[in-house]
Every structure is written in C-alpha cells, then in structure tokens.
Amino acid sequence: MRFKLLSMFAALLLLGACETASTSGDASGSGSSSTAGQPVPGSQEDLVVNVGDRVFFGFDEYTLTSEAQSTLDRVAAWMQSNPSVTVSVEGHADERGTREYNLALAERRANAAMNYVAALGVSPDRMRTVSYGEERPAVIGSNEQSWAQNRRAVFVVN
C-alpha cells in the first residue's frame, strides 16, 4: 500500500511538472511559437533559440568568461532590438557552500551579468536580479559536471 501511494505521488509530481506550450502566436512573451514555426520576437523562446539565455561561471567565481561575454553581447543586442522586453536575471550556485554563501554568490553572478548588459547600453530599469542560490538546480547530481551546469545566470523574459 505504501509503495502504491508513493508511486501515485511520484506520478502526480511528474504530471505537475509538465508544461503545455501555447501555440496561439501571441506576442505576450509567453514563449509561444508563431504559425510559421519561428519563435515570436521578444519571447522567451526567441531568446533561448536565437540568442542564448544563460551564462556559466567557474567554481566560487562571478567574473564573466569570454564565452559568457559573447553570449551577453548577443543578449544586449537582442534586448535593444526588442525595446519593450523586460527581464529577470536569475543567479544560481551549485550545492557546495552554505545556503547564505550561495545566495550571496548567486546574487553577485546575476549582478555581473546584468551590469555587463547595462554597460552595453540596455537600461538597467529593464532588468531586475533575483538570487536563487542552490535552490533551483538545472541538473541534479553531486559531481563536477552537474555543478558546472548549476553555476549560472539566466535571463528570463517577464
């Protein structure tokens, strides 16, 4: 009986994690696709597919690598071509370190990404930062490969 309840709970969690994508083609920033199969300009999907929405950091670092700067150059150009878009810049850390330390490090990462884009001419009023520390890992695991994917800053269209 206990196994059956746990199985049902796991199934409900999996179903709850699923997302149904809208295909209405609206420009609400919901990430929907147009009828031609191309992302709606200014949407989250457009950012992810055509630009890249995240940059990665080294262990205990918040300095931007040349690869991260290249991605952020594209983000800034994309934001300038979509002047009505506002974004949240989410900072993340891997699971190592205390909760408080990881929140502070993730905040520094989000600020580093936002400040770089702002220095390229995007108004800081169009961006806000949020720190999630280790609370929202992109990859589950306790190894260097997983940790490397979790040390990031992510741009999310509001």
Foldseek 3Di string as FASTA:
>chain_A
DVVVVVVVVVVVVVVVPDDDADQPQDQPQSQHPDPVRHTRQLHPVCCCPPQNFKAFDDAVDQAGDPVRLRSLVSVLVSCVVVVVWAKEKEFEAAPPDDQVVQQVSRQSNSVNSLVSSVVVPRDSVRYHYGYPRNPDQPDDDDDPVRRRRGRMIGIGTD
